[in-house]
């Protein structure tokens, strides 16, 4: 039998600035140069990720910014070496000062160009694809058609991008704070704060079971106007299908990092093929998660089977009618 633990709400807020300060109290707390370099590289990765997430900034504009950061880091290292050489020379002098400055130079040589591994778009793509939380999207074919261009015809496959729900959830459980937040009991008896407090959830064969740990998924979708600063208007509209995990407290689900992408496709393809190909892919995965789930290591509960299912579909009037098969006709 599972009981939701009243864990401390230590789940980090994505809007909070990282605390990079440290104090040196004794010899055991001395921070190494490699540790500081790791901090710099993590900040560089965060910077690149935020720039790439901004639709107003093209990908090819990011490498020059990274290059400028490398030049700044190299200049700062050079300034530090000069300052150490002058300070040690004034305090000690002689061969001892030379040996100290040589040792400092050797320690700081790795700090030159600290973001070299993010120097190009290819290197950035490779780094993010190798991240342990990365889930590679799958290209799924809607259908095929012949397309003519310059007097030549070729077979073209219309596709959409699908991101596995199972793989995403498995990766999220690697984060200890995320798993702890899922166990936090956010319900207040007698108070209906959201859908999870209603009788439909309490009486659900999966969500209401005390013998199974289950995740409730809220699905929604909307149109995405891809912004291009070189064009006056967005000529191609995309449709994004997203979901959130309702087990999390509401303040965490309001963070973009906890809104997960399920599928992405062109609106024109939906007008031709409809939603069925996307929904069939999603339903097949949900059926497996409902029946078999996956194994995860939870705080205070250890290894257990985690189940998941769809609890709610939310969208605006036009989107919901599109899912149900109705067509939009503007008179």
C-alpha atoms as a PDB file:
ATOM      1  CA  UNK A   1       0.000   0.000   0.000  1.00  0.00           C
ATOM      2  CA  UNK A   2       1.334   3.390  -0.979  1.00  0.00           C
ATOM      3  CA  UNK A   3       1.036   6.502   1.149  1.00  0.00           C
ATOM      4  CA  UNK A   4       2.011   9.944  -0.041  1.00  0.00           C
ATOM      5  CA  UNK A   5       4.833  11.237   2.096  1.00  0.00           C
ATOM      6  CA  UNK A   6       4.840  14.799   3.404  1.00  0.00           C
ATOM      7  CA  UNK A   7       8.253  15.530   2.007  1.00  0.00           C
ATOM      8  CA  UNK A   8       9.844  18.937   2.338  1.00  0.00           C
ATOM      9  CA  UNK A   9       9.134  21.192  -0.617  1.00  0.00           C
ATOM     10  CA  UNK A  10      12.733  21.463  -1.678  1.00  0.00           C
ATOM     11  CA  UNK A  11      11.994  21.178  -5.372  1.00  0.00           C
ATOM     12  CA  UNK A  12      14.017  23.897  -7.025  1.00  0.00           C
ATOM     13  CA  UNK A  13      12.251  26.758  -8.751  1.00  0.00           C
ATOM     14  CA  UNK A  14      13.457  27.248 -12.295  1.00  0.00           C
ATOM     15  CA  UNK A  15      13.246  31.017 -11.897  1.00  0.00           C
ATOM     16  CA  UNK A  16      15.577  31.071  -8.898  1.00  0.00           C
ATOM     17  CA  UNK A  17      19.133  32.149  -9.558  1.00  0.00           C
ATOM     18  CA  UNK A  18      21.806  29.557  -8.741  1.00  0.00           C
ATOM     19  CA  UNK A  19      23.823  30.149  -5.604  1.00  0.00           C
ATOM     20  CA  UNK A  20      27.428  30.205  -6.734  1.00  0.00           C
ATOM     21  CA  UNK A  21      28.876  31.605  -3.512  1.00  0.00           C
ATOM     22  CA  UNK A  22      31.116  29.547  -1.262  1.00  0.00           C
ATOM     23  CA  UNK A  23      33.220  30.095   1.812  1.00  0.00           C
ATOM     24  CA  UNK A  24      36.611  28.636   2.614  1.00  0.00           C
ATOM     25  CA  UNK A  25      36.516  27.721   6.284  1.00  0.00           C
ATOM     26  CA  UNK A  26      39.324  25.176   6.439  1.00  0.00           C
ATOM     27  CA  UNK A  27      41.543  23.000   4.260  1.00  0.00           C
ATOM     28  CA  UNK A  28      38.795  20.446   3.672  1.00  0.00           C
ATOM     29  CA  UNK A  29      36.458  23.018   2.125  1.00  0.00           C
ATOM     30  CA  UNK A  30      38.922  24.391  -0.457  1.00  0.00           C
ATOM     31  CA  UNK A  31      37.294  24.379  -3.897  1.00  0.00           C
ATOM     32  CA  UNK A  32      39.469  23.007  -6.689  1.00  0.00           C
ATOM     33  CA  UNK A  33      40.025  24.765 -10.003  1.00  0.00           C
ATOM     34  CA  UNK A  34      38.310  21.882 -11.820  1.00  0.00           C
ATOM     35  CA  UNK A  35      35.209  22.338  -9.663  1.00  0.00           C
ATOM     36  CA  UNK A  36      35.063  26.051 -10.487  1.00  0.00           C
ATOM     37  CA  UNK A  37      35.530  25.219 -14.169  1.00  0.00           C
ATOM     38  CA  UNK A  38      32.568  22.828 -13.966  1.00  0.00           C
ATOM     39  CA  UNK A  39      30.448  25.666 -12.569  1.00  0.00           C
ATOM     40  CA  UNK A  40      31.479  27.937 -15.446  1.00  0.00           C
ATOM     41  CA  UNK A  41      30.659  25.243 -17.999  1.00  0.00           C
ATOM     42  CA  UNK A  42      27.263  24.567 -16.421  1.00  0.00           C
ATOM     43  CA  UNK A  43      26.438  28.274 -16.624  1.00  0.00           C
ATOM     44  CA  UNK A  44      27.582  28.261 -20.253  1.00  0.00           C
ATOM     45  CA  UNK A  45      25.305  25.298 -21.028  1.00  0.00           C
ATOM     46  CA  UNK A  46      22.404  27.086 -19.345  1.00  0.00           C
ATOM     47  CA  UNK A  47      23.117  30.230 -21.382  1.00  0.00           C
ATOM     48  CA  UNK A  48      23.201  28.317 -24.681  1.00  0.00           C
ATOM     49  CA  UNK A  49      20.004  26.437 -23.816  1.00  0.00           C
ATOM     50  CA  UNK A  50      18.155  29.671 -22.982  1.00  0.00           C
ATOM     51  CA  UNK A  51      19.355  31.329 -26.204  1.00  0.00           C
ATOM     52  CA  UNK A  52      18.291  28.363 -28.327  1.00  0.00           C
ATOM     53  CA  UNK A  53      14.908  28.309 -26.585  1.00  0.00           C
ATOM     54  CA  UNK A  54      14.281  31.922 -27.644  1.00  0.00           C
ATOM     55  CA  UNK A  55      12.495  31.814 -31.003  1.00  0.00           C
ATOM     56  CA  UNK A  56      13.732  35.331 -31.837  1.00  0.00           C
ATOM     57  CA  UNK A  57      17.368  34.161 -31.893  1.00  0.00           C
ATOM     58  CA  UNK A  58      18.437  31.932 -34.815  1.00  0.00           C
ATOM     59  CA  UNK A  59      20.695  28.997 -33.974  1.00  0.00           C
ATOM     60  CA  UNK A  60      23.580  30.316 -36.070  1.00  0.00           C
ATOM     61  CA  UNK A  61      23.714  33.451 -33.874  1.00  0.00           C
ATOM     62  CA  UNK A  62      24.568  31.428 -30.756  1.00  0.00           C
ATOM     63  CA  UNK A  63      28.144  30.268 -31.669  1.00  0.00           C
ATOM     64  CA  UNK A  64      29.473  33.867 -31.946  1.00  0.00           C
ATOM     65  CA  UNK A  65      28.102  34.554 -28.451  1.00  0.00           C
ATOM     66  CA  UNK A  66      29.852  31.436 -27.152  1.00  0.00           C
ATOM     67  CA  UNK A  67      33.043  32.555 -28.886  1.00  0.00           C
ATOM     68  CA  UNK A  68      32.824  35.942 -27.144  1.00  0.00           C
ATOM     69  CA  UNK A  69      32.389  34.204 -23.775  1.00  0.00           C
ATOM     70  CA  UNK A  70      35.522  32.164 -24.481  1.00  0.00           C
ATOM     71  CA  UNK A  71      37.488  35.336 -25.278  1.00  0.00           C
ATOM     72  CA  UNK A  72      36.241  36.951 -22.057  1.00  0.00           C
ATOM     73  CA  UNK A  73      37.269  33.887 -20.041  1.00  0.00           C
ATOM     74  CA  UNK A  74      40.726  33.836 -21.641  1.00  0.00           C
ATOM     75  CA  UNK A  75      41.220  37.535 -20.897  1.00  0.00           C
ATOM     76  CA  UNK A  76      40.157  37.058 -17.267  1.00  0.00           C
ATOM     77  CA  UNK A  77      42.586  34.147 -16.857  1.00  0.00           C
ATOM     78  CA  UNK A  78      45.377  36.284 -18.286  1.00  0.00           C
ATOM     79  CA  UNK A  79      44.507  39.124 -15.889  1.00  0.00           C
ATOM     80  CA  UNK A  80      44.517  36.701 -12.950  1.00  0.00           C
ATOM     81  CA  UNK A  81      47.937  35.330 -13.929  1.00  0.00           C
ATOM     82  CA  UNK A  82      49.381  38.843 -14.214  1.00  0.00           C
ATOM     83  CA  UNK A  83      47.928  39.846 -10.849  1.00  0.00           C
ATOM     84  CA  UNK A  84      49.312  36.710  -9.155  1.00  0.00           C
ATOM     85  CA  UNK A  85      52.745  37.255 -10.732  1.00  0.00           C
ATOM     86  CA  UNK A  86      52.897  40.828  -9.483  1.00  0.00           C
ATOM     87  CA  UNK A  87      51.601  40.021  -5.996  1.00  0.00           C
ATOM     88  CA  UNK A  88      53.920  37.048  -5.464  1.00  0.00           C
ATOM     89  CA  UNK A  89      56.847  38.944  -6.942  1.00  0.00           C
ATOM     90  CA  UNK A  90      56.345  41.814  -4.520  1.00  0.00           C
ATOM     91  CA  UNK A  91      55.832  39.522  -1.527  1.00  0.00           C
ATOM     92  CA  UNK A  92      58.450  36.824  -2.147  1.00  0.00           C
ATOM     93  CA  UNK A  93      60.508  37.583  -5.233  1.00  0.00           C
ATOM     94  CA  UNK A  94      63.187  35.481  -6.859  1.00  0.00           C
ATOM     95  CA  UNK A  95      62.883  31.880  -8.034  1.00  0.00           C
ATOM     96  CA  UNK A  96      60.093  31.144  -5.580  1.00  0.00           C
ATOM     97  CA  UNK A  97      57.829  33.679  -7.282  1.00  0.00           C
ATOM     98  CA  UNK A  98      58.620  32.184 -10.685  1.00  0.00           C
ATOM     99  CA  UNK A  99      57.735  28.662  -9.538  1.00  0.00           C
ATOM    100  CA  UNK A 100      54.455  29.889  -8.023  1.00  0.00           C
ATOM    101  CA  UNK A 101      53.382  31.735 -11.169  1.00  0.00           C
ATOM    102  CA  UNK A 102      54.287  28.698 -13.279  1.00  0.00           C
ATOM    103  CA  UNK A 103      52.131  26.524 -11.004  1.00  0.00           C
ATOM    104  CA  UNK A 104      49.225  28.997 -11.283  1.00  0.00           C
ATOM    105  CA  UNK A 105      49.579  29.046 -15.064  1.00  0.00           C
ATOM    106  CA  UNK A 106      49.462  25.242 -15.147  1.00  0.00           C
ATOM    107  CA  UNK A 107      46.344  25.170 -12.958  1.00  0.00           C
ATOM    108  CA  UNK A 108      44.535  27.733 -15.104  1.00  0.00           C
ATOM    109  CA  UNK A 109      45.431  26.434 -18.536  1.00  0.00           C
ATOM    110  CA  UNK A 110      42.165  24.475 -18.730  1.00  0.00           C
ATOM    111  CA  UNK A 111      40.232  27.685 -18.073  1.00  0.00           C
ATOM    112  CA  UNK A 112      41.149  29.061 -21.479  1.00  0.00           C
ATOM    113  CA  UNK A 113      38.171  28.642 -23.820  1.00  0.00           C
ATOM    114  CA  UNK A 114      36.001  26.846 -21.222  1.00  0.00           C
ATOM    115  CA  UNK A 115      33.069  26.614 -23.654  1.00  0.00           C
ATOM    116  CA  UNK A 116      35.029  25.131 -26.531  1.00  0.00           C
ATOM    117  CA  UNK A 117      32.695  22.098 -26.528  1.00  0.00           C
ATOM    118  CA  UNK A 118      29.792  24.440 -27.463  1.00  0.00           C
ATOM    119  CA  UNK A 119      31.673  26.332 -30.172  1.00  0.00           C
ATOM    120  CA  UNK A 120      29.404  25.310 -33.102  1.00  0.00           C
ATOM    121  CA  UNK A 121      25.763  24.377 -33.667  1.00  0.00           C
ATOM    122  CA  UNK A 122      26.850  20.788 -34.309  1.00  0.00           C
ATOM    123  CA  UNK A 123      28.733  20.607 -31.001  1.00  0.00           C
ATOM    124  CA  UNK A 124      25.749  22.092 -29.177  1.00  0.00           C
ATOM    125  CA  UNK A 125      23.394  19.544 -30.734  1.00  0.00           C
ATOM    126  CA  UNK A 126      25.760  16.709 -29.863  1.00  0.00           C
ATOM    127  CA  UNK A 127      26.115  17.863 -26.259  1.00  0.00           C
ATOM    128  CA  UNK A 128      22.372  18.151 -25.649  1.00  0.00           C
ATOM    129  CA  UNK A 129      21.662  14.828 -27.369  1.00  0.00           C
ATOM    130  CA  UNK A 130      24.160  13.117 -25.047  1.00  0.00           C
ATOM    131  CA  UNK A 131      22.565  14.616 -21.922  1.00  0.00           C
ATOM    132  CA  UNK A 132      21.156  11.976 -19.598  1.00  0.00           C
ATOM    133  CA  UNK A 133      17.726  13.664 -19.541  1.00  0.00           C
ATOM    134  CA  UNK A 134      17.474  14.019 -23.320  1.00  0.00           C
ATOM    135  CA  UNK A 135      14.718  12.075 -25.081  1.00  0.00           C
ATOM    136  CA  UNK A 136      15.188  11.884 -28.824  1.00  0.00           C
ATOM    137  CA  UNK A 137      12.004  12.611 -30.798  1.00  0.00           C
ATOM    138  CA  UNK A 138      10.744   9.994 -33.211  1.00  0.00           C
ATOM    139  CA  UNK A 139       9.743  10.944 -36.738  1.00  0.00           C
ATOM    140  CA  UNK A 140       6.395   9.293 -37.549  1.00  0.00           C
ATOM    141  CA  UNK A 141       4.923   9.255 -41.046  1.00  0.00           C
ATOM    142  CA  UNK A 142       1.434  10.697 -41.582  1.00  0.00           C
ATOM    143  CA  UNK A 143       1.371   9.541 -45.191  1.00  0.00           C
ATOM    144  CA  UNK A 144       3.153  10.012 -48.519  1.00  0.00           C
ATOM    145  CA  UNK A 145       2.491  12.102 -51.603  1.00  0.00           C
ATOM    146  CA  UNK A 146       4.127  13.106 -54.871  1.00  0.00           C
ATOM    147  CA  UNK A 147       5.567  16.593 -55.087  1.00  0.00           C
ATOM    148  CA  UNK A 148       6.593  18.265 -58.329  1.00  0.00           C
ATOM    149  CA  UNK A 149       9.333  20.848 -58.553  1.00  0.00           C
ATOM    150  CA  UNK A 150      11.103  22.187 -61.646  1.00  0.00           C
ATOM    151  CA  UNK A 151       9.442  19.556 -63.814  1.00  0.00           C
ATOM    152  CA  UNK A 152      10.518  16.650 -61.596  1.00  0.00           C
ATOM    153  CA  UNK A 153       8.306  14.587 -59.296  1.00  0.00           C
ATOM    154  CA  UNK A 154       9.428  12.856 -56.137  1.00  0.00           C
ATOM    155  CA  UNK A 155       7.800  10.934 -53.310  1.00  0.00           C
ATOM    156  CA  UNK A 156       7.574  12.976 -50.105  1.00  0.00           C
ATOM    157  CA  UNK A 157       6.627  11.673 -46.642  1.00  0.00           C
ATOM    158  CA  UNK A 158       4.571  13.982 -44.422  1.00  0.00           C
ATOM    159  CA  UNK A 159       5.755  13.415 -40.864  1.00  0.00           C
ATOM    160  CA  UNK A 160       5.258  14.600 -37.302  1.00  0.00           C
ATOM    161  CA  UNK A 161       7.656  14.484 -34.366  1.00  0.00           C
ATOM    162  CA  UNK A 162       6.667  12.351 -31.382  1.00  0.00           C
ATOM    163  CA  UNK A 163       8.421  12.293 -27.991  1.00  0.00           C
ATOM    164  CA  UNK A 164       7.946   9.117 -25.967  1.00  0.00           C
ATOM    165  CA  UNK A 165       5.986   9.621 -22.739  1.00  0.00           C
ATOM    166  CA  UNK A 166       7.548   6.534 -21.134  1.00  0.00           C
ATOM    167  CA  UNK A 167      11.124   7.643 -21.764  1.00  0.00           C
ATOM    168  CA  UNK A 168      10.378  11.170 -20.556  1.00  0.00           C
ATOM    169  CA  UNK A 169       8.852   9.947 -17.290  1.00  0.00           C
ATOM    170  CA  UNK A 170      11.700   7.497 -16.687  1.00  0.00           C
ATOM    171  CA  UNK A 171      14.261  10.266 -17.084  1.00  0.00           C
ATOM    172  CA  UNK A 172      12.353  12.596 -14.755  1.00  0.00           C
ATOM    173  CA  UNK A 173      12.553  10.034 -11.955  1.00  0.00           C
ATOM    174  CA  UNK A 174      16.345  10.297 -12.100  1.00  0.00           C
ATOM    175  CA  UNK A 175      15.956  13.742 -10.474  1.00  0.00           C
ATOM    176  CA  UNK A 176      15.545  13.113  -6.737  1.00  0.00           C
ATOM    177  CA  UNK A 177      13.785  16.423  -6.018  1.00  0.00           C
ATOM    178  CA  UNK A 178      11.282  15.741  -8.778  1.00  0.00           C
ATOM    179  CA  UNK A 179      10.442  12.316  -7.351  1.00  0.00           C
ATOM    180  CA  UNK A 180      10.046  13.825  -3.870  1.00  0.00           C
ATOM    181  CA  UNK A 181       7.678  16.485  -5.212  1.00  0.00           C
ATOM    182  CA  UNK A 182       5.508  13.766  -6.769  1.00  0.00           C
ATOM    183  CA  UNK A 183       5.077  12.194  -3.319  1.00  0.00           C
ATOM    184  CA  UNK A 184       3.999  15.439  -1.704  1.00  0.00           C
ATOM    185  CA  UNK A 185       0.366  15.249  -0.586  1.00  0.00           C
ATOM    186  CA  UNK A 186      -1.197  18.457  -1.916  1.00  0.00           C
ATOM    187  CA  UNK A 187      -4.802  17.535  -1.120  1.00  0.00           C
ATOM    188  CA  UNK A 188      -6.786  19.287   1.596  1.00  0.00           C
ATOM    189  CA  UNK A 189      -9.874  17.365   2.740  1.00  0.00           C
ATOM    190  CA  UNK A 190     -13.076  19.189   1.831  1.00  0.00           C
ATOM    191  CA  UNK A 191     -11.353  21.630  -0.522  1.00  0.00           C
ATOM    192  CA  UNK A 192     -11.672  21.189  -4.299  1.00  0.00           C
ATOM    193  CA  UNK A 193      -8.613  22.963  -5.687  1.00  0.00           C
ATOM    194  CA  UNK A 194      -8.427  21.189  -9.057  1.00  0.00           C
ATOM    195  CA  UNK A 195      -9.477  18.102 -10.980  1.00  0.00           C
ATOM    196  CA  UNK A 196      -7.442  15.785  -8.750  1.00  0.00           C
ATOM    197  CA  UNK A 197      -9.654  16.541  -5.728  1.00  0.00           C
ATOM    198  CA  UNK A 198     -12.862  15.334  -7.390  1.00  0.00           C
ATOM    199  CA  UNK A 199     -14.682  12.039  -7.035  1.00  0.00           C
ATOM    200  CA  UNK A 200     -13.773  11.010 -10.582  1.00  0.00           C
ATOM    201  CA  UNK A 201     -10.128  10.710  -9.582  1.00  0.00           C
ATOM    202  CA  UNK A 202     -10.816   9.184  -6.152  1.00  0.00           C
ATOM    203  CA  UNK A 203     -13.035   6.507  -7.691  1.00  0.00           C
ATOM    204  CA  UNK A 204     -10.808   5.857 -10.689  1.00  0.00           C
ATOM    205  CA  UNK A 205      -9.594   2.213 -10.863  1.00  0.00           C
ATOM    206  CA  UNK A 206      -5.977   3.338 -11.294  1.00  0.00           C
ATOM    207  CA  UNK A 207      -5.700   6.807  -9.729  1.00  0.00           C
ATOM    208  CA  UNK A 208      -7.852   5.863  -6.743  1.00  0.00           C
ATOM    209  CA  UNK A 209      -5.992   2.622  -6.019  1.00  0.00           C
ATOM    210  CA  UNK A 210      -3.925   2.592  -2.809  1.00  0.00           C
ATOM    211  CA  UNK A 211      -1.932  -0.420  -4.062  1.00  0.00           C
ATOM    212  CA  UNK A 212      -0.458   1.338  -7.100  1.00  0.00           C
ATOM    213  CA  UNK A 213       1.597   4.479  -7.540  1.00  0.00           C
ATOM    214  CA  UNK A 214       0.219   6.220 -10.610  1.00  0.00           C
ATOM    215  CA  UNK A 215       0.855   9.443 -12.494  1.00  0.00           C
ATOM    216  CA  UNK A 216      -1.988  11.552 -13.863  1.00  0.00           C
ATOM    217  CA  UNK A 217      -1.304  13.223 -17.200  1.00  0.00           C
ATOM    218  CA  UNK A 218      -3.090  16.337 -18.399  1.00  0.00           C
ATOM    219  CA  UNK A 219      -2.992  16.667 -22.182  1.00  0.00           C
ATOM    220  CA  UNK A 220      -3.460  19.889 -24.108  1.00  0.00           C
ATOM    221  CA  UNK A 221      -2.483  21.395 -27.421  1.00  0.00           C
ATOM    222  CA  UNK A 222      -2.468  24.710 -29.210  1.00  0.00           C
ATOM    223  CA  UNK A 223      -1.166  26.369 -32.316  1.00  0.00           C
ATOM    224  CA  UNK A 224       2.389  27.681 -32.352  1.00  0.00           C
ATOM    225  CA  UNK A 225       3.338  30.649 -34.500  1.00  0.00           C
ATOM    226  CA  UNK A 226       7.040  30.176 -35.250  1.00  0.00           C
ATOM    227  CA  UNK A 227       8.679  33.600 -35.104  1.00  0.00           C
ATOM    228  CA  UNK A 228      11.260  34.543 -37.707  1.00  0.00           C
ATOM    229  CA  UNK A 229      12.819  38.004 -37.235  1.00  0.00           C
ATOM    230  CA  UNK A 230      13.664  38.166 -40.957  1.00  0.00           C
ATOM    231  CA  UNK A 231      10.028  37.844 -42.001  1.00  0.00           C
ATOM    232  CA  UNK A 232       7.089  40.099 -41.370  1.00  0.00           C
ATOM    233  CA  UNK A 233       4.709  37.208 -40.708  1.00  0.00           C
ATOM    234  CA  UNK A 234       4.809  33.567 -39.753  1.00  0.00           C
ATOM    235  CA  UNK A 235       3.930  31.714 -42.947  1.00  0.00           C
ATOM    236  CA  UNK A 236       3.833  28.197 -41.506  1.00  0.00           C
ATOM    237  CA  UNK A 237       1.941  27.374 -38.330  1.00  0.00           C
ATOM    238  CA  UNK A 238       2.841  24.447 -36.117  1.00  0.00           C
ATOM    239  CA  UNK A 239       0.669  22.488 -33.732  1.00  0.00           C
ATOM    240  CA  UNK A 240       2.221  21.482 -30.421  1.00  0.00           C
ATOM    241  CA  UNK A 241       0.756  18.761 -28.193  1.00  0.00           C
ATOM    242  CA  UNK A 242       1.910  18.990 -24.569  1.00  0.00           C
ATOM    243  CA  UNK A 243       1.217  17.378 -21.215  1.00  0.00           C
ATOM    244  CA  UNK A 244       1.852  17.986 -17.535  1.00  0.00           C
ATOM    245  CA  UNK A 245       1.970  15.608 -14.562  1.00  0.00           C
ATOM    246  CA  UNK A 246      -0.949  16.541 -12.307  1.00  0.00           C
ATOM    247  CA  UNK A 247       0.663  14.855  -9.293  1.00  0.00           C
ATOM    248  CA  UNK A 248       3.008  17.824  -8.976  1.00  0.00           C
ATOM    249  CA  UNK A 249       1.921  20.852  -6.936  1.00  0.00           C
ATOM    250  CA  UNK A 250       0.457  23.595  -9.139  1.00  0.00           C
ATOM    251  CA  UNK A 251       3.354  26.003  -8.563  1.00  0.00           C
ATOM    252  CA  UNK A 252       5.743  23.521 -10.194  1.00  0.00           C
ATOM    253  CA  UNK A 253       3.475  22.785 -13.148  1.00  0.00           C
ATOM    254  CA  UNK A 254       3.393  26.506 -13.922  1.00  0.00           C
ATOM    255  CA  UNK A 255       7.101  26.263 -14.774  1.00  0.00           C
ATOM    256  CA  UNK A 256       7.921  25.683 -18.452  1.00  0.00           C
ATOM    257  CA  UNK A 257      10.446  22.973 -17.582  1.00  0.00           C
ATOM    258  CA  UNK A 258       7.570  20.816 -16.300  1.00  0.00           C
ATOM    259  CA  UNK A 259       5.494  21.200 -19.462  1.00  0.00           C
ATOM    260  CA  UNK A 260       6.571  18.314 -21.683  1.00  0.00           C
ATOM    261  CA  UNK A 261       6.314  18.095 -25.448  1.00  0.00           C
ATOM    262  CA  UNK A 262       4.392  15.111 -26.822  1.00  0.00           C
ATOM    263  CA  UNK A 263       4.143  15.862 -30.542  1.00  0.00           C
ATOM    264  CA  UNK A 264       4.844  18.612 -33.043  1.00  0.00           C
ATOM    265  CA  UNK A 265       3.492  18.856 -36.568  1.00  0.00           C
ATOM    266  CA  UNK A 266       2.380  21.255 -39.287  1.00  0.00           C
ATOM    267  CA  UNK A 267      -1.181  22.500 -39.167  1.00  0.00           C
ATOM    268  CA  UNK A 268      -1.633  21.770 -42.892  1.00  0.00           C
ATOM    269  CA  UNK A 269      -0.904  18.087 -42.272  1.00  0.00           C
ATOM    270  CA  UNK A 270      -3.630  17.926 -39.624  1.00  0.00           C
ATOM    271  CA  UNK A 271      -6.129  19.322 -42.111  1.00  0.00           C
ATOM    272  CA  UNK A 272      -5.286  16.456 -44.464  1.00  0.00           C
ATOM    273  CA  UNK A 273      -4.716  13.500 -42.117  1.00  0.00           C
ATOM    274  CA  UNK A 274      -6.499  14.553 -38.912  1.00  0.00           C
ATOM    275  CA  UNK A 275      -5.439  13.827 -35.329  1.00  0.00           C
ATOM    276  CA  UNK A 276      -5.846  10.064 -35.456  1.00  0.00           C
ATOM    277  CA  UNK A 277      -2.193   9.202 -36.297  1.00  0.00           C
ATOM    278  CA  UNK A 278      -0.955  11.253 -33.326  1.00  0.00           C
ATOM    279  CA  UNK A 279      -3.623  10.000 -30.931  1.00  0.00           C
ATOM    280  CA  UNK A 280      -3.101   6.365 -31.972  1.00  0.00           C
ATOM    281  CA  UNK A 281       0.582   6.635 -31.117  1.00  0.00           C
ATOM    282  CA  UNK A 282      -0.207   8.242 -27.763  1.00  0.00           C
ATOM    283  CA  UNK A 283      -3.025   5.823 -26.854  1.00  0.00           C
ATOM    284  CA  UNK A 284      -0.852   2.775 -27.594  1.00  0.00           C
ATOM    285  CA  UNK A 285       1.778   4.060 -25.177  1.00  0.00           C
ATOM    286  CA  UNK A 286      -0.780   4.985 -22.504  1.00  0.00           C
ATOM    287  CA  UNK A 287      -2.355   1.506 -22.632  1.00  0.00           C
ATOM    288  CA  UNK A 288       1.065  -0.004 -21.912  1.00  0.00           C
ATOM    289  CA  UNK A 289       1.673   2.420 -19.041  1.00  0.00           C
ATOM    290  CA  UNK A 290      -1.740   1.637 -17.566  1.00  0.00           C
ATOM    291  CA  UNK A 291      -1.283  -2.126 -17.641  1.00  0.00           C
ATOM    292  CA  UNK A 292       2.430  -2.635 -17.033  1.00  0.00           C
ATOM    293  CA  UNK A 293       3.993   0.709 -16.081  1.00  0.00           C
ATOM    294  CA  UNK A 294       7.744   0.958 -15.554  1.00  0.00           C
ATOM    295  CA  UNK A 295      10.134   0.440 -12.670  1.00  0.00           C
ATOM    296  CA  UNK A 296      11.479   3.484 -10.833  1.00  0.00           C
ATOM    297  CA  UNK A 297      13.418   4.172  -7.640  1.00  0.00           C
ATOM    298  CA  UNK A 298      11.357   6.459  -5.386  1.00  0.00           C
ATOM    299  CA  UNK A 299      12.524   8.209  -2.203  1.00  0.00           C
ATOM    300  CA  UNK A 300      11.300   6.428   0.969  1.00  0.00           C
ATOM    301  CA  UNK A 301       9.554   3.773  -1.167  1.00  0.00           C
ATOM    302  CA  UNK A 302      12.520   2.246  -2.973  1.00  0.00           C
ATOM    303  CA  UNK A 303      12.052   0.434  -6.261  1.00  0.00           C
ATOM    304  CA  UNK A 304       8.422   0.088  -7.311  1.00  0.00           C
ATOM    305  CA  UNK A 305       6.256  -0.064 -10.391  1.00  0.00           C
ATOM    306  CA  UNK A 306       4.967   3.286 -11.613  1.00  0.00           C
ATOM    307  CA  UNK A 307       1.779   3.405 -13.668  1.00  0.00           C
ATOM    308  CA  UNK A 308       0.377   6.298 -15.658  1.00  0.00           C
ATOM    309  CA  UNK A 309      -2.719   7.262 -17.577  1.00  0.00           C
ATOM    310  CA  UNK A 310      -4.568  10.209 -19.061  1.00  0.00           C
ATOM    311  CA  UNK A 311      -6.740  12.070 -16.572  1.00  0.00           C
ATOM    312  CA  UNK A 312      -7.747  15.221 -18.417  1.00  0.00           C
ATOM    313  CA  UNK A 313      -7.719  16.863 -21.857  1.00  0.00           C
ATOM    314  CA  UNK A 314      -7.778  20.654 -21.904  1.00  0.00           C
ATOM    315  CA  UNK A 315      -7.796  23.006 -24.878  1.00  0.00           C
ATOM    316  CA  UNK A 316      -9.708  25.926 -26.291  1.00  0.00           C
ATOM    317  CA  UNK A 317     -12.956  25.582 -28.205  1.00  0.00           C
ATOM    318  CA  UNK A 318     -11.395  25.363 -31.679  1.00  0.00           C
ATOM    319  CA  UNK A 319      -8.747  22.869 -30.611  1.00  0.00           C
ATOM    320  CA  UNK A 320     -11.189  20.577 -28.816  1.00  0.00           C
ATOM    321  CA  UNK A 321     -13.548  20.515 -31.774  1.00  0.00           C
ATOM    322  CA  UNK A 322     -10.600  19.703 -34.043  1.00  0.00           C
ATOM    323  CA  UNK A 323      -9.710  16.671 -31.909  1.00  0.00           C
ATOM    324  CA  UNK A 324     -13.342  15.496 -32.148  1.00  0.00           C
ATOM    325  CA  UNK A 325     -13.146  15.672 -35.937  1.00  0.00           C
ATOM    326  CA  UNK A 326     -14.990  18.912 -36.612  1.00  0.00           C
ATOM    327  CA  UNK A 327     -13.653  21.356 -39.178  1.00  0.00           C
ATOM    328  CA  UNK A 328     -13.351  25.094 -38.709  1.00  0.00           C
ATOM    329  CA  UNK A 329     -15.396  27.083 -41.216  1.00  0.00           C
ATOM    330  CA  UNK A 330     -15.164  30.862 -40.906  1.00  0.00           C
ATOM    331  CA  UNK A 331     -18.121  32.596 -42.515  1.00  0.00           C
END
